[in-house]
Amino acid sequence: ERDACRPWLVRELELLRPTLRAIVVLGGF
């Protein structure tokens, strides 16, 4: 399920590329 959902986040990161400077990750998963 994690892998099936991954493309949504991949595309989000691509769209955020021009502005994204920091990522805070909440938890080990």
Full PDB file with SEQRES, HELIX, SHEET, SSBOND, CRYST1, ORIGX, SCALE, CONECT and MASTER records, all heavy atoms in Angstrom:
SEQRES   1 A   29  GLU ARG ASP ALA CYS ARG PRO TRP LEU VAL ARG GLU LEU          
SEQRES   2 A   29  GLU LEU LEU ARG PRO THR LEU ARG ALA ILE VAL VAL LEU          
SEQRES   3 A   29  GLY GLY PHE                                                  
HELIX    1 AA1 ARG A    2  LEU A   16  1                                  15    
CRYST1    1.000    1.000    1.000  90.00  90.00  90.00 P 1           1          
ORIGX1      1.000000  0.000000  0.000000        0.00000                         
ORIGX2      0.000000  1.000000  0.000000        0.00000                         
ORIGX3      0.000000  0.000000  1.000000        0.00000                         
SCALE1      1.000000  0.000000  0.000000        0.00000                         
SCALE2      0.000000  1.000000  0.000000        0.00000                         
SCALE3      0.000000  0.000000  1.000000        0.00000                         
ATOM      1  N   GLU A   1       0.830  -1.214   0.000  1.00  0.00           N  
ATOM      2  CA  GLU A   1       0.000   0.000   0.000  1.00  0.00           C  
ATOM      3  C   GLU A   1       0.854   1.250   0.000  1.00  0.00           C  
ATOM      4  O   GLU A   1       0.549   2.224  -0.706  1.00  0.00           O  
ATOM      5  CB  GLU A   1      -0.946  -0.037   1.203  1.00  0.00           C  
ATOM      6  CG  GLU A   1      -2.020  -1.107   1.071  1.00  0.00           C  
ATOM      7  CD  GLU A   1      -2.673  -1.487   2.382  1.00  0.00           C  
ATOM      8  OE1 GLU A   1      -2.177  -1.082   3.459  1.00  0.00           O  
ATOM      9  OE2 GLU A   1      -3.691  -2.216   2.342  1.00  0.00           O  
ATOM     10  N   ARG A   2       1.927   1.229   0.742  1.00  0.00           N  
ATOM     11  CA  ARG A   2       2.870   2.361   0.739  1.00  0.00           C  
ATOM     12  C   ARG A   2       3.419   2.584  -0.660  1.00  0.00           C  
ATOM     13  O   ARG A   2       3.469   3.715  -1.150  1.00  0.00           O  
ATOM     14  CB  ARG A   2       4.007   2.057   1.712  1.00  0.00           C  
ATOM     15  CG  ARG A   2       5.150   3.066   1.715  1.00  0.00           C  
ATOM     16  CD  ARG A   2       6.417   2.421   2.267  1.00  0.00           C  
ATOM     17  NE  ARG A   2       6.857   1.303   1.425  1.00  0.00           N  
ATOM     18  CZ  ARG A   2       7.652   0.330   1.855  1.00  0.00           C  
ATOM     19  NH1 ARG A   2       8.091   0.314   3.098  1.00  0.00           N  
ATOM     20  NH2 ARG A   2       8.026  -0.635   1.015  1.00  0.00           N  
ATOM     21  N   ASP A   3       3.821   1.506  -1.318  1.00  0.00           N  
ATOM     22  CA  ASP A   3       4.415   1.639  -2.650  1.00  0.00           C  
ATOM     23  C   ASP A   3       3.378   2.068  -3.684  1.00  0.00           C  
ATOM     24  O   ASP A   3       3.696   2.839  -4.603  1.00  0.00           O  
ATOM     25  CB  ASP A   3       5.059   0.318  -3.066  1.00  0.00           C  
ATOM     26  CG  ASP A   3       6.268  -0.045  -2.203  1.00  0.00           C  
ATOM     27  OD1 ASP A   3       6.757   0.835  -1.455  1.00  0.00           O  
ATOM     28  OD2 ASP A   3       6.705  -1.205  -2.265  1.00  0.00           O  
ATOM     29  N   ALA A   4       2.152   1.577  -3.559  1.00  0.00           N  
ATOM     30  CA  ALA A   4       1.099   1.969  -4.498  1.00  0.00           C  
ATOM     31  C   ALA A   4       0.797   3.461  -4.397  1.00  0.00           C  
ATOM     32  O   ALA A   4       0.464   4.109  -5.400  1.00  0.00           O  
ATOM     33  CB  ALA A   4      -0.166   1.155  -4.240  1.00  0.00           C  
ATOM     34  N   CYS A   5       0.931   4.009  -3.206  1.00  0.00           N  
ATOM     35  CA  CYS A   5       0.620   5.428  -2.967  1.00  0.00           C  
ATOM     36  C   CYS A   5       1.780   6.353  -3.332  1.00  0.00           C  
ATOM     37  O   CYS A   5       1.590   7.563  -3.469  1.00  0.00           O  
ATOM     38  CB  CYS A   5       0.269   5.605  -1.485  1.00  0.00           C  
ATOM     39  SG  CYS A   5      -0.865   6.955  -1.130  1.00  0.00           S  
ATOM     40  N   ARG A   6       2.966   5.793  -3.496  1.00  0.00           N  
ATOM     41  CA  ARG A   6       4.169   6.613  -3.675  1.00  0.00           C  
ATOM     42  C   ARG A   6       4.097   7.600  -4.833  1.00  0.00           C  
ATOM     43  O   ARG A   6       4.587   8.733  -4.701  1.00  0.00           O  
ATOM     44  CB  ARG A   6       5.391   5.710  -3.829  1.00  0.00           C  
ATOM     45  CG  ARG A   6       6.702   6.477  -3.998  1.00  0.00           C  
ATOM     46  CD  ARG A   6       7.883   5.528  -4.053  1.00  0.00           C  
ATOM     47  NE  ARG A   6       8.061   4.872  -2.778  1.00  0.00           N  
ATOM     48  CZ  ARG A   6       8.516   3.619  -2.626  1.00  0.00           C  
ATOM     49  NH1 ARG A   6       8.800   2.896  -3.694  1.00  0.00           N  
ATOM     50  NH2 ARG A   6       8.666   3.106  -1.432  1.00  0.00           N  
ATOM     51  N   PRO A   7       3.531   7.250  -5.988  1.00  0.00           N  
ATOM     52  CA  PRO A   7       3.545   8.224  -7.101  1.00  0.00           C  
ATOM     53  C   PRO A   7       2.881   9.554  -6.790  1.00  0.00           C  
ATOM     54  O   PRO A   7       3.274  10.584  -7.351  1.00  0.00           O  
ATOM     55  CB  PRO A   7       2.796   7.480  -8.214  1.00  0.00           C  
ATOM     56  CG  PRO A   7       3.061   6.032  -7.945  1.00  0.00           C  
ATOM     57  CD  PRO A   7       3.034   5.930  -6.445  1.00  0.00           C  
ATOM     58  N   TRP A   8       1.881   9.574  -5.892  1.00  0.00           N  
ATOM     59  CA  TRP A   8       1.284  10.867  -5.524  1.00  0.00           C  
ATOM     60  C   TRP A   8       2.343  11.762  -4.885  1.00  0.00           C  
ATOM     61  O   TRP A   8       2.436  12.956  -5.199  1.00  0.00           O  
ATOM     62  CB  TRP A   8       0.121  10.670  -4.557  1.00  0.00           C  
ATOM     63  CG  TRP A   8      -1.008   9.812  -5.017  1.00  0.00           C  
ATOM     64  CD1 TRP A   8      -1.512   8.707  -4.379  1.00  0.00           C  
ATOM     65  CD2 TRP A   8      -1.828   9.986  -6.196  1.00  0.00           C  
ATOM     66  NE1 TRP A   8      -2.570   8.177  -5.091  1.00  0.00           N  
ATOM     67  CE2 TRP A   8      -2.790   8.945  -6.200  1.00  0.00           C  
ATOM     68  CE3 TRP A   8      -1.829  10.906  -7.235  1.00  0.00           C  
ATOM     69  CZ2 TRP A   8      -3.749   8.812  -7.204  1.00  0.00           C  
ATOM     70  CZ3 TRP A   8      -2.774  10.776  -8.246  1.00  0.00           C  
ATOM     71  CH2 TRP A   8      -3.712   9.749  -8.231  1.00  0.00           C  
ATOM     72  N   LEU A   9       3.136  11.198  -3.976  1.00  0.00           N  
ATOM     73  CA  LEU A   9       4.163  11.997  -3.299  1.00  0.00           C  
ATOM     74  C   LEU A   9       5.310  12.334  -4.240  1.00  0.00           C  
ATOM     75  O   LEU A   9       5.871  13.435  -4.174  1.00  0.00           O  
ATOM     76  CB  LEU A   9       4.677  11.249  -2.067  1.00  0.00           C  
ATOM     77  CG  LEU A   9       5.758  11.945  -1.234  1.00  0.00           C  
ATOM     78  CD1 LEU A   9       5.357  13.354  -0.853  1.00  0.00           C  
ATOM     79  CD2 LEU A   9       6.075  11.122   0.018  1.00  0.00           C  
ATOM     80  N   VAL A  10       5.665  11.416  -5.126  1.00  0.00           N  
ATOM     81  CA  VAL A  10       6.714  11.715  -6.108  1.00  0.00           C  
ATOM     82  C   VAL A  10       6.335  12.949  -6.931  1.00  0.00           C  
ATOM     83  O   VAL A  10       7.127  13.888  -7.086  1.00  0.00           O  
ATOM     84  CB  VAL A  10       6.953  10.504  -7.036  1.00  0.00           C  
ATOM     85  CG1 VAL A  10       7.859  10.905  -8.210  1.00  0.00           C  
ATOM     86  CG2 VAL A  10       7.577   9.347  -6.271  1.00  0.00           C  
ATOM     87  N   ARG A  11       5.115  12.942  -7.443  1.00  0.00           N  
ATOM     88  CA  ARG A  11       4.689  14.080  -8.271  1.00  0.00           C  
ATOM     89  C   ARG A  11       4.598  15.359  -7.445  1.00  0.00           C  
ATOM     90  O   ARG A  11       4.937  16.454  -7.929  1.00  0.00           O  
ATOM     91  CB  ARG A  11       3.343  13.773  -8.926  1.00  0.00           C  
ATOM     92  CG  ARG A  11       2.854  14.862  -9.877  1.00  0.00           C  
ATOM     93  CD  ARG A  11       3.828  15.084 -11.006  1.00  0.00           C  
ATOM     94  NE  ARG A  11       3.382  16.126 -11.928  1.00  0.00           N  
ATOM     95  CZ  ARG A  11       4.202  16.957 -12.562  1.00  0.00           C  
ATOM     96  NH1 ARG A  11       5.525  16.869 -12.379  1.00  0.00           N  
ATOM     97  NH2 ARG A  11       3.714  17.869 -13.390  1.00  0.00           N  
ATOM     98  N   GLU A  12       4.190  15.230  -6.183  1.00  0.00           N  
ATOM     99  CA  GLU A  12       4.127  16.410  -5.319  1.00  0.00           C  
ATOM    100  C   GLU A  12       5.511  17.030  -5.143  1.00  0.00           C  
ATOM    101  O   GLU A  12       5.683  18.257  -5.213  1.00  0.00           O  
ATOM    102  CB  GLU A  12       3.545  16.025  -3.960  1.00  0.00           C  
ATOM    103  CG  GLU A  12       3.271  17.190  -3.056  1.00  0.00           C  
ATOM    104  CD  GLU A  12       1.874  17.177  -2.482  1.00  0.00           C  
ATOM    105  OE1 GLU A  12       1.279  16.095  -2.344  1.00  0.00           O  
ATOM    106  OE2 GLU A  12       1.371  18.270  -2.176  1.00  0.00           O  
ATOM    107  N   LEU A  13       6.500  16.193  -4.926  1.00  0.00           N  
ATOM    108  CA  LEU A  13       7.863  16.691  -4.769  1.00  0.00           C  
ATOM    109  C   LEU A  13       8.362  17.336  -6.064  1.00  0.00           C  
ATOM    110  O   LEU A  13       9.062  18.357  -6.025  1.00  0.00           O  
ATOM    111  CB  LEU A  13       8.788  15.550  -4.351  1.00  0.00           C  
ATOM    112  CG  LEU A  13       8.607  15.055  -2.916  1.00  0.00           C  
ATOM    113  CD1 LEU A  13       9.332  13.736  -2.712  1.00  0.00           C  
ATOM    114  CD2 LEU A  13       9.105  16.088  -1.912  1.00  0.00           C  
ATOM    115  N   GLU A  14       8.006  16.755  -7.196  1.00  0.00           N  
ATOM    116  CA  GLU A  14       8.395  17.360  -8.471  1.00  0.00           C  
ATOM    117  C   GLU A  14       7.785  18.752  -8.627  1.00  0.00           C  
ATOM    118  O   GLU A  14       8.461  19.688  -9.062  1.00  0.00           O  
ATOM    119  CB  GLU A  14       7.958  16.454  -9.617  1.00  0.00           C  
ATOM    120  CG  GLU A  14       8.728  15.146  -9.707  1.00  0.00           C  
ATOM    121  CD  GLU A  14       8.164  14.205 -10.750  1.00  0.00           C  
ATOM    122  OE1 GLU A  14       7.010  14.424 -11.203  1.00  0.00           O  
ATOM    123  OE2 GLU A  14       8.855  13.238 -11.102  1.00  0.00           O  
ATOM    124  N   LEU A  15       6.513  18.889  -8.262  1.00  0.00           N  
ATOM    125  CA  LEU A  15       5.844  20.177  -8.396  1.00  0.00           C  
ATOM    126  C   LEU A  15       6.380  21.206  -7.405  1.00  0.00           C  
ATOM    127  O   LEU A  15       6.394  22.407  -7.690  1.00  0.00           O  
ATOM    128  CB  LEU A  15       4.332  19.997  -8.206  1.00  0.00           C  
ATOM    129  CG  LEU A  15       3.610  19.206  -9.308  1.00  0.00           C  
ATOM    130  CD1 LEU A  15       2.197  18.853  -8.872  1.00  0.00           C  
ATOM    131  CD2 LEU A  15       3.588  19.998 -10.614  1.00  0.00           C  
ATOM    132  N   LEU A  16       6.841  20.734  -6.240  1.00  0.00           N  
ATOM    133  CA  LEU A  16       7.374  21.640  -5.218  1.00  0.00           C  
ATOM    134  C   LEU A  16       8.834  22.014  -5.447  1.00  0.00           C  
ATOM    135  O   LEU A  16       9.363  22.900  -4.754  1.00  0.00           O  
ATOM    136  CB  LEU A  16       7.244  20.995  -3.833  1.00  0.00           C  
ATOM    137  CG  LEU A  16       5.867  21.010  -3.177  1.00  0.00           C  
ATOM    138  CD1 LEU A  16       5.868  20.111  -1.945  1.00  0.00           C  
ATOM    139  CD2 LEU A  16       5.459  22.426  -2.784  1.00  0.00           C  
ATOM    140  N   ARG A  17       9.492  21.363  -6.380  1.00  0.00           N  
ATOM    141  CA  ARG A  17      10.934  21.536  -6.556  1.00  0.00           C  
ATOM    142  C   ARG A  17      11.387  23.003  -6.600  1.00  0.00           C  
ATOM    143  O   ARG A  17      12.403  23.362  -5.983  1.00  0.00           O  
ATOM    144  CB  ARG A  17      11.401  20.811  -7.812  1.00  0.00           C  
ATOM    145  CG  ARG A  17      12.896  20.991  -8.105  1.00  0.00           C  
ATOM    146  CD  ARG A  17      13.282  20.365  -9.429  1.00  0.00           C  
ATOM    147  NE  ARG A  17      13.278  18.922  -9.351  1.00  0.00           N  
ATOM    148  CZ  ARG A  17      14.291  18.182  -8.903  1.00  0.00           C  
ATOM    149  NH1 ARG A  17      15.401  18.780  -8.488  1.00  0.00           N  
ATOM    150  NH2 ARG A  17      14.223  16.878  -8.864  1.00  0.00           N  
ATOM    151  N   PRO A  18      10.690  23.909  -7.300  1.00  0.00           N  
ATOM    152  CA  PRO A  18      11.197  25.289  -7.382  1.00  0.00           C  
ATOM    153  C   PRO A  18      11.276  26.012  -6.034  1.00  0.00           C  
ATOM    154  O   PRO A  18      12.078  26.950  -5.888  1.00  0.00           O  
ATOM    155  CB  PRO A  18      10.184  25.982  -8.305  1.00  0.00           C  
ATOM    156  CG  PRO A  18       9.583  24.887  -9.105  1.00  0.00           C  
ATOM    157  CD  PRO A  18       9.503  23.724  -8.164  1.00  0.00           C  
ATOM    158  N   THR A  19      10.462  25.612  -5.063  1.00  0.00           N  
ATOM    159  CA  THR A  19      10.408  26.367  -3.805  1.00  0.00           C  
ATOM    160  C   THR A  19      10.836  25.569  -2.581  1.00  0.00           C  
ATOM    161  O   THR A  19      11.196  26.163  -1.559  1.00  0.00           O  
ATOM    162  CB  THR A  19       8.980  26.888  -3.552  1.00  0.00           C  
ATOM    163  OG1 THR A  19       8.068  25.780  -3.495  1.00  0.00           O  
ATOM    164  CG2 THR A  19       8.551  27.840  -4.663  1.00  0.00           C  
ATOM    165  N   LEU A  20      10.805  24.262  -2.635  1.00  0.00           N  
ATOM    166  CA  LEU A  20      11.000  23.429  -1.444  1.00  0.00           C  
ATOM    167  C   LEU A  20      12.421  23.548  -0.914  1.00  0.00           C  
ATOM    168  O   LEU A  20      13.382  23.363  -1.658  1.00  0.00           O  
ATOM    169  CB  LEU A  20      10.676  21.971  -1.779  1.00  0.00           C  
ATOM    170  CG  LEU A  20      10.736  20.977  -0.614  1.00  0.00           C  
ATOM    171  CD1 LEU A  20       9.729  21.333   0.469  1.00  0.00           C  
ATOM    172  CD2 LEU A  20      10.513  19.557  -1.121  1.00  0.00           C  
ATOM    173  N   ARG A  21      12.530  23.824   0.394  1.00  0.00           N  
ATOM    174  CA  ARG A  21      13.839  23.978   1.021  1.00  0.00           C  
ATOM    175  C   ARG A  21      14.044  23.028   2.204  1.00  0.00           C  
ATOM    176  O   ARG A  21      15.194  22.751   2.556  1.00  0.00           O  
ATOM    177  CB  ARG A  21      14.017  25.430   1.508  1.00  0.00           C  
ATOM    178  CG  ARG A  21      13.976  26.463   0.387  1.00  0.00           C  
ATOM    179  CD  ARG A  21      15.155  26.319  -0.553  1.00  0.00           C  
ATOM    180  NE  ARG A  21      15.097  27.282  -1.656  1.00  0.00           N  
ATOM    181  CZ  ARG A  21      14.565  27.029  -2.843  1.00  0.00           C  
ATOM    182  NH1 ARG A  21      14.020  25.830  -3.083  1.00  0.00           N  
ATOM    183  NH2 ARG A  21      14.545  27.932  -3.795  1.00  0.00           N  
ATOM    184  N   ALA A  22      12.981  22.575   2.844  1.00  0.00           N  
ATOM    185  CA  ALA A  22      13.137  21.710   4.019  1.00  0.00           C  
ATOM    186  C   ALA A  22      11.958  20.751   4.129  1.00  0.00           C  
ATOM    187  O   ALA A  22      10.824  21.109   3.801  1.00  0.00           O  
ATOM    188  CB  ALA A  22      13.252  22.543   5.293  1.00  0.00           C  
ATOM    189  N   ILE A  23      12.240  19.539   4.583  1.00  0.00           N  
ATOM    190  CA  ILE A  23      11.213  18.516   4.807  1.00  0.00           C  
ATOM    191  C   ILE A  23      11.337  18.037   6.243  1.00  0.00           C  
ATOM    192  O   ILE A  23      12.425  17.635   6.681  1.00  0.00           O  
ATOM    193  CB  ILE A  23      11.384  17.321   3.845  1.00  0.00           C  
ATOM    194  CG1 ILE A  23      11.318  17.777   2.377  1.00  0.00           C  
ATOM    195  CG2 ILE A  23      10.331  16.257   4.120  1.00  0.00           C  
ATOM    196  CD1 ILE A  23      11.618  16.671   1.381  1.00  0.00           C  
ATOM    197  N   VAL A  24      10.236  18.070   6.979  1.00  0.00           N  
ATOM    198  CA  VAL A  24      10.174  17.507   8.328  1.00  0.00           C  
ATOM    199  C   VAL A  24       9.404  16.195   8.234  1.00  0.00           C  
ATOM    200  O   VAL A  24       8.269  16.168   7.758  1.00  0.00           O  
ATOM    201  CB  VAL A  24       9.478  18.460   9.321  1.00  0.00           C  
ATOM    202  CG1 VAL A  24       9.329  17.795  10.688  1.00  0.00           C  
ATOM    203  CG2 VAL A  24      10.267  19.763   9.442  1.00  0.00           C  
ATOM    204  N   VAL A  25      10.037  15.111   8.680  1.00  0.00           N  
ATOM    205  CA  VAL A  25       9.450  13.780   8.574  1.00  0.00           C  
ATOM    206  C   VAL A  25       9.017  13.335   9.964  1.00  0.00           C  
ATOM    207  O   VAL A  25       9.835  13.250  10.884  1.00  0.00           O  
ATOM    208  CB  VAL A  25      10.449  12.780   7.975  1.00  0.00           C  
ATOM    209  CG1 VAL A  25       9.769  11.441   7.733  1.00  0.00           C  
ATOM    210  CG2 VAL A  25      11.030  13.318   6.671  1.00  0.00           C  
ATOM    211  N   LEU A  26       7.729  13.060  10.111  1.00  0.00           N  
ATOM    212  CA  LEU A  26       7.150  12.726  11.412  1.00  0.00           C  
ATOM    213  C   LEU A  26       7.061  11.207  11.568  1.00  0.00           C  
ATOM    214  O   LEU A  26       6.125  10.563  11.085  1.00  0.00           O  
ATOM    215  CB  LEU A  26       5.767  13.360  11.541  1.00  0.00           C  
ATOM    216  CG  LEU A  26       5.747  14.890  11.459  1.00  0.00           C  
ATOM    217  CD1 LEU A  26       4.332  15.407  11.259  1.00  0.00           C  
ATOM    218  CD2 LEU A  26       6.370  15.502  12.701  1.00  0.00           C  
ATOM    219  N   GLY A  27       8.057  10.617  12.210  1.00  0.00           N  
ATOM    220  CA  GLY A  27       8.024   9.196  12.508  1.00  0.00           C  
ATOM    221  C   GLY A  27       8.846   8.342  11.562  1.00  0.00           C  
ATOM    222  O   GLY A  27       9.172   8.729  10.440  1.00  0.00           O  
ATOM    223  N   GLY A  28       9.166   7.145  12.039  1.00  0.00           N  
ATOM    224  CA  GLY A  28      10.062   6.254  11.316  1.00  0.00           C  
ATOM    225  C   GLY A  28       9.477   5.700  10.034  1.00  0.00           C  
ATOM    226  O   GLY A  28      10.205   5.500   9.048  1.00  0.00           O  
ATOM    227  N   PHE A  29       8.168   5.407   9.992  1.00  0.00           N  
ATOM    228  CA  PHE A  29       7.571   4.864   8.770  1.00  0.00           C  
ATOM    229  C   PHE A  29       7.675   5.885   7.643  1.00  0.00           C  
ATOM    230  O   PHE A  29       8.078   5.559   6.523  1.00  0.00           O  
ATOM    231  CB  PHE A  29       6.111   4.489   9.000  1.00  0.00           C  
ATOM    232  CG  PHE A  29       5.435   3.896   7.786  1.00  0.00           C  
ATOM    233  CD1 PHE A  29       5.315   2.528   7.631  1.00  0.00           C  
ATOM    234  CD2 PHE A  29       4.915   4.712   6.794  1.00  0.00           C  
ATOM    235  CE1 PHE A  29       4.703   1.981   6.516  1.00  0.00           C  
ATOM    236  CE2 PHE A  29       4.295   4.193   5.673  1.00  0.00           C  
ATOM    237  CZ  PHE A  29       4.190   2.814   5.532  1.00  0.00           C  
TER     238      PHE A  29                                                      
MASTER        0    0    0    1    0    0    0    6  237    1    0    3          
END                                                                             
